[in-house]
C-alpha atoms as a PDB file:
ATOM      1  CA  MET A   1       0.000   0.000   0.000  1.00  0.00           C
ATOM      2  CA  ASN A   2       2.725   2.422   0.909  1.00  0.00           C
ATOM      3  CA  SER A   3       4.744   1.428  -2.158  1.00  0.00           C
ATOM      4  CA  TYR A   4       1.725   2.082  -4.399  1.00  0.00           C
ATOM      5  CA  TYR A   5       1.130   5.465  -2.778  1.00  0.00           C
ATOM      6  CA  TYR A   6       4.719   6.564  -3.240  1.00  0.00           C
ATOM      7  CA  ASP A   7       4.779   5.373  -6.833  1.00  0.00           C
ATOM      8  CA  SER A   8       1.601   7.330  -7.623  1.00  0.00           C
ATOM      9  CA  ALA A   9       2.964  10.454  -5.937  1.00  0.00           C
ATOM     10  CA  ALA A  10       6.236  10.176  -7.894  1.00  0.00           C
ATOM     11  CA  ALA A  11       4.348   9.725 -11.168  1.00  0.00           C
ATOM     12  CA  ALA A  12       2.110  12.733 -10.426  1.00  0.00           C
ATOM     13  CA  ALA A  13       5.156  14.838  -9.544  1.00  0.00           C
ATOM     14  CA  PHE A  14       6.862  13.808 -12.769  1.00  0.00           C
ATOM     15  CA  VAL A  15       3.797  14.618 -14.832  1.00  0.00           C
ATOM     16  CA  GLY A  16       3.485  17.979 -13.091  1.00  0.00           C
ATOM     17  CA  PHE A  17       7.149  18.710 -13.761  1.00  0.00           C
ATOM     18  CA  VAL A  18       6.756  17.836 -17.447  1.00  0.00           C
ATOM     19  CA  ILE A  19       3.682  20.060 -17.714  1.00  0.00           C
ATOM     20  CA  LEU A  20       5.515  22.944 -16.029  1.00  0.00           C
ATOM     21  CA  ILE A  21       8.527  22.600 -18.326  1.00  0.00           C
ATOM     22  CA  SER A  22       6.262  22.395 -21.374  1.00  0.00           C
ATOM     23  CA  PHE A  23       4.383  25.487 -20.218  1.00  0.00           C
ATOM     24  CA  LEU A  24       7.608  27.454 -19.738  1.00  0.00           C
ATOM     25  CA  ILE A  25       8.891  26.348 -23.137  1.00  0.00           C
ATOM     26  CA  ALA A  26       5.618  27.381 -24.741  1.00  0.00           C
ATOM     27  CA  ILE A  27       5.742  30.795 -23.068  1.00  0.00           C
ATOM     28  CA  ALA A  28       9.362  31.321 -24.142  1.00  0.00           C
ATOM     29  CA  GLY A  29       8.548  30.248 -27.693  1.00  0.00           C
ATOM     30  CA  TYR A  30       5.588  32.603 -27.863  1.00  0.00           C
ATOM     31  CA  VAL A  31       7.635  35.535 -26.552  1.00  0.00           C
ATOM     32  CA  LEU A  32      10.417  34.889 -29.066  1.00  0.00           C
ATOM     33  CA  SER A  33       8.037  34.413 -31.992  1.00  0.00           C
ATOM     34  CA  SER A  34       6.159  37.599 -31.077  1.00  0.00           C
ATOM     35  CA  LEU A  35       9.430  39.504 -30.872  1.00  0.00           C
ATOM     36  CA  PHE A  36      10.485  38.239 -34.301  1.00  0.00           C
ATOM     37  CA  LEU A  37       7.054  38.991 -35.772  1.00  0.00           C
ATOM     38  CA  MET A  38       7.307  42.523 -34.411  1.00  0.00           C
ATOM     39  CA  LYS A  39      10.542  43.038 -36.365  1.00  0.00           C
ATOM     40  CA  ILE A  40       9.033  41.564 -39.538  1.00  0.00           C
ATOM     41  CA  PHE A  41       5.915  43.723 -39.179  1.00  0.00           C
ATOM     42  CA  ASP A  42       8.143  46.754 -38.771  1.00  0.00           C
ATOM     43  CA  LYS A  43       9.916  45.925 -42.045  1.00  0.00           C
ATOM     44  CA  ALA A  44       6.532  45.632 -43.757  1.00  0.00           C
ATOM     45  CA  GLY A  45       5.459  49.071 -42.523  1.00  0.00           C
ATOM     46  CA  VAL A  46       2.843  47.859 -40.023  1.00  0.00           C
ATOM     47  CA  GLN A  47       2.009  50.530 -37.465  1.00  0.00           C
ATOM     48  CA  GLY A  48       1.776  49.495 -33.827  1.00  0.00           C
ATOM     49  CA  LYS A  49       4.163  46.982 -32.273  1.00  0.00           C
ATOM     50  CA  TRP A  50       1.352  45.622 -30.102  1.00  0.00           C
ATOM     51  CA  ARG A  51      -0.091  43.759 -33.095  1.00  0.00           C
ATOM     52  CA  ALA A  52       2.671  41.161 -32.899  1.00  0.00           C
ATOM     53  CA  TRP A  53       1.886  40.310 -29.245  1.00  0.00           C
ATOM     54  CA  VAL A  54      -1.875  39.643 -29.474  1.00  0.00           C
ATOM     55  CA  PRO A  55      -2.635  35.917 -29.870  1.00  0.00           C
ATOM     56  CA  VAL A  56      -4.493  34.935 -33.060  1.00  0.00           C
ATOM     57  CA  TYR A  57      -4.526  38.560 -34.233  1.00  0.00           C
ATOM     58  CA  ASN A  58      -0.796  38.422 -35.015  1.00  0.00           C
ATOM     59  CA  SER A  59      -1.482  35.401 -37.228  1.00  0.00           C
ATOM     60  CA  MET A  60      -4.214  37.345 -38.999  1.00  0.00           C
ATOM     61  CA  VAL A  61      -1.785  40.184 -39.707  1.00  0.00           C
ATOM     62  CA  PHE A  62       0.788  37.659 -40.921  1.00  0.00           C
ATOM     63  CA  LEU A  63      -1.778  36.228 -43.352  1.00  0.00           C
ATOM     64  CA  LYS A  64      -2.574  39.721 -44.652  1.00  0.00           C
ATOM     65  CA  LEU A  65       1.100  40.369 -45.338  1.00  0.00           C
ATOM     66  CA  GLY A  66       1.146  37.018 -47.135  1.00  0.00           C
ATOM     67  CA  ASP A  67      -1.736  38.090 -49.440  1.00  0.00           C
ATOM     68  CA  LEU A  68      -4.250  35.780 -47.727  1.00  0.00           C
ATOM     69  CA  SER A  69      -7.551  36.746 -46.166  1.00  0.00           C
ATOM     70  CA  PRO A  70      -7.027  37.169 -42.404  1.00  0.00           C
ATOM     71  CA  TRP A  71     -10.463  35.689 -41.685  1.00  0.00           C
ATOM     72  CA  LEU A  72      -9.359  32.255 -42.863  1.00  0.00           C
ATOM     73  CA  ILE A  73      -7.472  31.609 -39.633  1.00  0.00           C
ATOM     74  CA  LEU A  74     -10.657  32.300 -37.643  1.00  0.00           C
ATOM     75  CA  TYR A  75     -12.603  29.858 -39.796  1.00  0.00           C
ATOM     76  CA  CYS A  76     -10.002  27.174 -39.142  1.00  0.00           C
ATOM     77  CA  ILE A  77      -9.941  27.787 -35.379  1.00  0.00           C
ATOM     78  CA  GLY A  78     -13.734  27.771 -35.200  1.00  0.00           C
ATOM     79  CA  GLY A  79     -13.971  24.572 -37.213  1.00  0.00           C
ATOM     80  CA  ALA A  80     -11.335  22.848 -35.086  1.00  0.00           C
ATOM     81  CA  VAL A  81     -13.138  23.768 -31.861  1.00  0.00           C
ATOM     82  CA  LEU A  82     -16.660  22.944 -33.019  1.00  0.00           C
ATOM     83  CA  LEU A  83     -15.868  19.683 -34.800  1.00  0.00           C
ATOM     84  CA  SER A  84     -13.285  18.272 -32.435  1.00  0.00           C
ATOM     85  CA  TRP A  85     -15.984  16.305 -30.600  1.00  0.00           C
ATOM     86  CA  ILE A  86     -16.630  14.171 -33.691  1.00  0.00           C
ATOM     87  CA  GLY A  87     -12.959  13.617 -34.400  1.00  0.00           C
ATOM     88  CA  ILE A  88     -12.471  15.790 -37.526  1.00  0.00           C
ATOM     89  CA  GLY A  89     -11.301  18.985 -35.867  1.00  0.00           C
ATOM     90  CA  PHE A  90      -7.709  18.112 -36.745  1.00  0.00           C
ATOM     91  CA  ILE A  91      -8.532  18.756 -40.409  1.00  0.00           C
ATOM     92  CA  PHE A  92      -9.106  22.439 -39.685  1.00  0.00           C
ATOM     93  CA  SER A  93      -5.954  22.576 -37.557  1.00  0.00           C
ATOM     94  CA  ALA A  94      -3.971  21.142 -40.476  1.00  0.00           C
ATOM     95  CA  ALA A  95      -5.626  23.682 -42.800  1.00  0.00           C
ATOM     96  CA  ALA A  96      -4.525  26.506 -40.498  1.00  0.00           C
ATOM     97  CA  GLY A  97      -0.954  25.197 -40.685  1.00  0.00           C
ATOM     98  CA  VAL A  98      -1.106  25.105 -44.488  1.00  0.00           C
ATOM     99  CA  LEU A  99      -2.343  28.708 -44.558  1.00  0.00           C
ATOM    100  CA  MET A 100       0.541  29.838 -42.366  1.00  0.00           C
ATOM    101  CA  VAL A 101       2.997  28.063 -44.680  1.00  0.00           C
ATOM    102  CA  LEU A 102       1.520  29.796 -47.748  1.00  0.00           C
ATOM    103  CA  ALA A 103       1.682  33.162 -46.007  1.00  0.00           C
ATOM    104  CA  ALA A 104       5.293  32.516 -44.953  1.00  0.00           C
ATOM    105  CA  TYR A 105       6.154  31.689 -48.572  1.00  0.00           C
ATOM    106  CA  ARG A 106       4.782  35.052 -49.766  1.00  0.00           C
ATOM    107  CA  VAL A 107       6.346  36.975 -46.880  1.00  0.00           C
ATOM    108  CA  GLY A 108       9.685  35.327 -47.632  1.00  0.00           C
ATOM    109  CA  GLN A 109       9.456  36.433 -51.265  1.00  0.00           C
ATOM    110  CA  LYS A 110       8.841  40.012 -50.149  1.00  0.00           C
ATOM    111  CA  LEU A 111      11.886  39.722 -47.889  1.00  0.00           C
ATOM    112  CA  GLN A 112      14.050  38.639 -50.857  1.00  0.00           C
ATOM    113  CA  LYS A 113      14.125  34.945 -49.952  1.00  0.00           C
ATOM    114  CA  GLU A 114      14.059  32.080 -52.425  1.00  0.00           C
ATOM    115  CA  GLY A 115      11.236  29.565 -52.368  1.00  0.00           C
ATOM    116  CA  ALA A 116      13.434  26.892 -50.779  1.00  0.00           C
ATOM    117  CA  TRP A 117      13.419  28.881 -47.535  1.00  0.00           C
ATOM    118  CA  ILE A 118       9.891  27.649 -46.870  1.00  0.00           C
ATOM    119  CA  VAL A 119      11.364  24.257 -45.908  1.00  0.00           C
ATOM    120  CA  LEU A 120      13.081  25.934 -42.969  1.00  0.00           C
ATOM    121  CA  TYR A 121       9.785  27.466 -41.896  1.00  0.00           C
ATOM    122  CA  ILE A 122       8.030  24.091 -42.000  1.00  0.00           C
ATOM    123  CA  PHE A 123      10.547  22.368 -39.727  1.00  0.00           C
ATOM    124  CA  LEU A 124      11.981  25.281 -37.678  1.00  0.00           C
ATOM    125  CA  SER A 125       9.626  28.225 -37.959  1.00  0.00           C
ATOM    126  CA  ILE A 126      11.250  30.026 -35.007  1.00  0.00           C
ATOM    127  CA  VAL A 127      14.595  30.020 -36.839  1.00  0.00           C
ATOM    128  CA  TRP A 128      12.937  31.246 -40.036  1.00  0.00           C
ATOM    129  CA  LEU A 129      11.336  34.109 -38.131  1.00  0.00           C
ATOM    130  CA  ALA A 130      14.616  35.031 -36.417  1.00  0.00           C
ATOM    131  CA  ILE A 131      16.557  35.173 -39.703  1.00  0.00           C
ATOM    132  CA  ASN A 132      13.964  37.288 -41.498  1.00  0.00           C
ATOM    133  CA  ALA A 133      13.578  39.564 -38.499  1.00  0.00           C
ATOM    134  CA  TYR A 134      17.220  40.489 -38.004  1.00  0.00           C
ATOM    135  CA  ASP A 135      18.866  40.150 -41.413  1.00  0.00           C
ATOM    136  CA  LYS A 136      19.365  43.130 -43.746  1.00  0.00           C
ATOM    137  CA  SER A 137      16.580  42.235 -46.137  1.00  0.00           C
ATOM    138  CA  ARG A 138      14.198  45.003 -47.215  1.00  0.00           C
ATOM    139  CA  TRP A 139      10.449  44.701 -47.733  1.00  0.00           C
ATOM    140  CA  ASN A 140       9.435  44.650 -51.398  1.00  0.00           C
ATOM    141  CA  THR A 141       5.847  44.263 -52.624  1.00  0.00           C
ATOM    142  CA  GLN A 142       6.731  44.532 -56.322  1.00  0.00           C
ATOM    143  CA  ILE A 143       6.490  40.789 -56.908  1.00  0.00           C
ATOM    144  CA  PRO A 144       4.060  38.824 -59.106  1.00  0.00           C
ATOM    145  CA  PRO A 145       0.585  38.381 -57.632  1.00  0.00           C
ATOM    146  CA  ALA A 146      -0.171  35.229 -55.690  1.00  0.00           C
ATOM    147  CA  PRO A 147      -1.690  32.288 -57.602  1.00  0.00           C
ATOM    148  CA  TRP A 148      -4.844  32.659 -55.512  1.00  0.00           C
ATOM    149  CA  ALA A 149      -5.123  36.427 -56.085  1.00  0.00           C
ATOM    150  CA  GLY A 150      -8.191  35.989 -58.297  1.00  0.00           C
ATOM    151  CA  ASN A 151      -9.995  33.781 -55.784  1.00  0.00           C
ATOM    152  CA  SER A 152     -12.303  35.891 -53.632  1.00  0.00           C
ATOM    153  CA  PHE A 153     -12.268  33.325 -50.804  1.00  0.00           C
ATOM    154  CA  PHE A 154      -8.503  33.071 -50.266  1.00  0.00           C
ATOM    155  CA  ALA A 155      -7.385  36.473 -51.574  1.00  0.00           C
ATOM    156  CA  ASP A 156      -6.867  39.375 -49.178  1.00  0.00           C
ATOM    157  CA  ARG A 157      -9.532  42.026 -49.728  1.00  0.00           C
ATOM    158  CA  THR A 158      -9.605  43.443 -46.214  1.00  0.00           C
ATOM    159  CA  VAL A 159      -8.342  46.957 -45.456  1.00  0.00           C
ATOM    160  CA  TRP A 160      -7.208  47.676 -41.903  1.00  0.00           C
ATOM    161  CA  GLU A 161      -5.907  50.984 -40.660  1.00  0.00           C
ATOM    162  CA  GLY A 162      -2.218  50.825 -39.773  1.00  0.00           C
ATOM    163  CA  ILE A 163      -1.523  47.810 -42.022  1.00  0.00           C
ATOM    164  CA  PRO A 164      -0.286  48.618 -45.536  1.00  0.00           C
ATOM    165  CA  VAL A 165      -2.235  47.307 -48.498  1.00  0.00           C
ATOM    166  CA  GLN A 166      -0.055  44.888 -50.412  1.00  0.00           C
ATOM    167  CA  SER A 167       0.226  45.792 -54.098  1.00  0.00           C
ATOM    168  CA  SER A 168       0.769  42.109 -54.953  1.00  0.00           C
ATOM    169  CA  ALA A 169      -2.608  41.156 -53.454  1.00  0.00           C
ATOM    170  CA  ALA A 170      -5.869  41.124 -55.356  1.00  0.00           C
ATOM    171  CA  ALA A 171      -7.380  44.589 -55.746  1.00  0.00           C
ATOM    172  CA  ALA A 172     -10.632  45.002 -53.890  1.00  0.00           C
ATOM    173  CA  PRO A 173     -13.503  45.955 -56.236  1.00  0.00           C
ATOM    174  CA  GLY A 174     -15.307  47.968 -53.558  1.00  0.00           C
ATOM    175  CA  ALA A 175     -15.563  48.411 -49.834  1.00  0.00           C
ATOM    176  CA  ALA A 176     -13.903  45.533 -48.028  1.00  0.00           C
ATOM    177  CA  PRO A 177     -14.867  44.121 -44.625  1.00  0.00           C
ATOM    178  CA  GLY A 178     -12.978  45.562 -41.725  1.00  0.00           C
ATOM    179  CA  TYR A 179     -12.038  49.139 -41.088  1.00  0.00           C
ATOM    180  CA  GLY A 180      -9.484  51.573 -42.406  1.00  0.00           C
ATOM    181  CA  ALA A 181      -8.732  53.817 -45.319  1.00  0.00           C
ATOM    182  CA  PRO A 182      -9.011  52.824 -48.987  1.00  0.00           C
ATOM    183  CA  GLN A 183      -6.060  51.695 -50.996  1.00  0.00           C
ATOM    184  CA  GLY A 184      -3.460  54.278 -51.986  1.00  0.00           C
ATOM    185  CA  TYR A 185      -0.100  54.387 -53.601  1.00  0.00           C
ATOM    186  CA  GLN A 186       2.880  52.818 -51.849  1.00  0.00           C
ATOM    187  CA  GLN A 187       5.597  54.954 -50.410  1.00  0.00           C
ATOM    188  CA  ALA A 188       8.993  54.022 -48.983  1.00  0.00           C
ATOM    189  CA  GLY A 189       8.638  51.593 -46.089  1.00  0.00           C
ATOM    190  CA  GLY A 190       5.600  49.872 -47.544  1.00  0.00           C
ATOM    191  CA  TYR A 191       2.893  52.029 -45.929  1.00  0.00           C
ATOM    192  CA  PRO A 192       0.306  53.461 -48.329  1.00  0.00           C
ATOM    193  CA  GLN A 193      -0.392  57.142 -48.505  1.00  0.00           C
ATOM    194  CA  GLN A 194      -3.675  58.481 -49.796  1.00  0.00           C
ATOM    195  CA  ALA A 195      -3.720  60.732 -52.827  1.00  0.00           C
ATOM    196  CA  PRO A 196      -4.971  64.284 -52.086  1.00  0.00           C
ATOM    197  CA  ALA A 197      -8.728  64.611 -52.546  1.00  0.00           C
ATOM    198  CA  GLN A 198      -9.953  66.850 -55.330  1.00  0.00           C
ATOM    199  CA  GLN A 199     -11.641  70.017 -54.087  1.00  0.00           C
ATOM    200  CA  PRO A 200     -15.284  70.387 -55.239  1.00  0.00           C
ATOM    201  CA  PRO A 201     -16.107  73.437 -57.410  1.00  0.00           C
ATOM    202  CA  ALA A 202     -17.545  76.541 -55.772  1.00  0.00           C
ATOM    203  CA  PRO A 203     -21.384  76.853 -55.668  1.00  0.00           C
ATOM    204  CA  GLY A 204     -22.787  78.453 -58.801  1.00  0.00           C
ATOM    205  CA  TYR A 205     -19.664  77.821 -60.854  1.00  0.00           C
ATOM    206  CA  GLN A 206     -20.397  76.920 -64.459  1.00  0.00           C
ATOM    207  CA  PRO A 207     -17.613  75.433 -66.553  1.00  0.00           C
ATOM    208  CA  PRO A 208     -17.012  77.209 -69.891  1.00  0.00           C
ATOM    209  CA  ALA A 209     -18.994  75.741 -72.755  1.00  0.00           C
ATOM    210  CA  ALA A 210     -17.159  74.105 -75.581  1.00  0.00           C
ATOM    211  CA  PRO A 211     -17.157  76.054 -78.914  1.00  0.00           C
ATOM    212  CA  ALA A 212     -19.954  75.088 -81.300  1.00  0.00           C
ATOM    213  CA  THR A 213     -17.614  74.677 -84.251  1.00  0.00           C
ATOM    214  CA  PRO A 214     -13.898  74.115 -84.066  1.00  0.00           C
ATOM    215  CA  PRO A 215     -11.699  76.809 -85.566  1.00  0.00           C
ATOM    216  CA  ALA A 216     -10.768  76.302 -89.203  1.00  0.00           C
ATOM    217  CA  ALA A 217      -7.439  74.813 -89.880  1.00  0.00           C
ATOM    218  CA  PRO A 218      -4.874  77.236 -91.281  1.00  0.00           C
ATOM    219  CA  GLY A 219      -4.501  77.095 -95.074  1.00  0.00           C
ATOM    220  CA  ALA A 220      -1.405  76.336 -96.990  1.00  0.00           C
ATOM    221  CA  PRO A 221       1.225  79.157 -96.999  1.00  0.00           C
ATOM    222  CA  THR A 222       1.296  81.452-100.059  1.00  0.00           C
ATOM    223  CA  PRO A 223       4.359  80.760-102.216  1.00  0.00           C
ATOM    224  CA  PRO A 224       6.673  83.771-102.862  1.00  0.00           C
ATOM    225  CA  PRO A 225       6.593  85.398-106.342  1.00  0.00           C
ATOM    226  CA  ALA A 226       8.905  83.943-108.920  1.00  0.00           C
ATOM    227  CA  ALA A 227      12.106  85.839-109.737  1.00  0.00           C
ATOM    228  CA  PRO A 228      12.215  87.616-113.198  1.00  0.00           C
ATOM    229  CA  SER A 229      13.820  85.562-115.934  1.00  0.00           C
ATOM    230  CA  ALA A 230      15.957  88.537-117.294  1.00  0.00           C
ATOM    231  CA  PRO A 231      16.730  92.078-116.047  1.00  0.00           C
ATOM    232  CA  PRO A 232      15.019  95.015-117.863  1.00  0.00           C
ATOM    233  CA  VAL A 233      16.825  96.421-120.944  1.00  0.00           C
ATOM    234  CA  ALA A 234      18.493  99.864-120.484  1.00  0.00           C
ATOM    235  CA  PRO A 235      17.367 102.669-122.955  1.00  0.00           C
ATOM    236  CA  THR A 236      19.656 103.111-126.025  1.00  0.00           C
ATOM    237  CA  THR A 237      19.365 106.962-126.338  1.00  0.00           C
ATOM    238  CA  PRO A 238      18.855 109.513-123.637  1.00  0.00           C
ATOM    239  CA  PRO A 239      15.556 111.344-123.710  1.00  0.00           C
ATOM    240  CA  THR A 240      15.571 114.777-125.554  1.00  0.00           C
ATOM    241  CA  THR A 241      14.850 117.897-123.554  1.00  0.00           C
ATOM    242  CA  PRO A 242      13.491 121.048-125.379  1.00  0.00           C
ATOM    243  CA  PRO A 243      15.656 124.242-125.059  1.00  0.00           C
ATOM    244  CA  PRO A 244      14.450 126.846-122.630  1.00  0.00           C
ATOM    245  CA  ALA A 245      12.361 129.698-124.037  1.00  0.00           C
ATOM    246  CA  ALA A 246      13.830 133.298-124.375  1.00  0.00           C
ATOM    247  CA  PRO A 247      12.950 135.662-121.586  1.00  0.00           C
ATOM    248  CA  PRO A 248      10.339 138.303-122.442  1.00  0.00           C
ATOM    249  CA  ALA A 249      11.509 141.866-123.437  1.00  0.00           C
ATOM    250  CA  PRO A 250      11.222 144.539-120.752  1.00  0.00           C
ATOM    251  CA  PRO A 251       8.386 147.032-121.184  1.00  0.00           C
ATOM    252  CA  ALA A 252       9.194 150.449-122.955  1.00  0.00           C
ATOM    253  CA  ASP A 253       9.618 153.563-120.804  1.00  0.00           C
ATOM    254  CA  PRO A 254       6.946 156.120-121.716  1.00  0.00           C
ATOM    255  CA  ASN A 255       9.195 159.051-120.733  1.00  0.00           C
ATOM    256  CA  GLN A 256      11.936 158.179-123.215  1.00  0.00           C
ATOM    257  CA  PRO A 257      11.763 159.963-126.560  1.00  0.00           C
ATOM    258  CA  PRO A 258      11.440 157.766-129.556  1.00  0.00           C
ATOM    259  CA  ALA A 259      14.585 157.016-131.468  1.00  0.00           C
END
């Protein structure tokens, strides 16, 4: 009886020790992964370091940066919880892992990593996060769109304030679920900036009407006159001038005696 009691106590203590060690390892792994995600989010231009420390939400942001809809991770978690009692919840857990791998593949491309780096993420994701967080790679969204960009279910069409819209994701045709500003052009650092809004015209302003008929096109230029074929001939004899007339005789003096 005593031997059985001591054996049970030792087994319970061992199990408790294993659970404590596992809990501490899980906490340390979560802290490290959140720290690495914070660095990666900073490279991508995400505003707010707190986003990397919120459970589940940091995975949603990671999916957005990987051109995947952030709501997919919630669908997988909900399906795993609701259907675990019939033994198929693991399918949704595996689907969530596949989504994270696809997002890591796209994030790695934007951090100038080759596709083979995804193998490191599959087996040692914490090492993959550490390398991409602290190396000198720069965030680049000018990559080809994702293969699922045209699929409205998998493609990212959500706009959140503080998280840059990825130019390699599918363009949203209208208002997307979530909150935030509409898409804008990308500036340095990956964060979009909105284009300045056009000011409305003043009340009562009427734009000038277009002319009824367009002005006539200018005609062809007038050619210059042709040069004379030969110069004019000089006169052979000078013109004759009549001699000047004789001056009239002076009038006779009446006081002078005749001759």
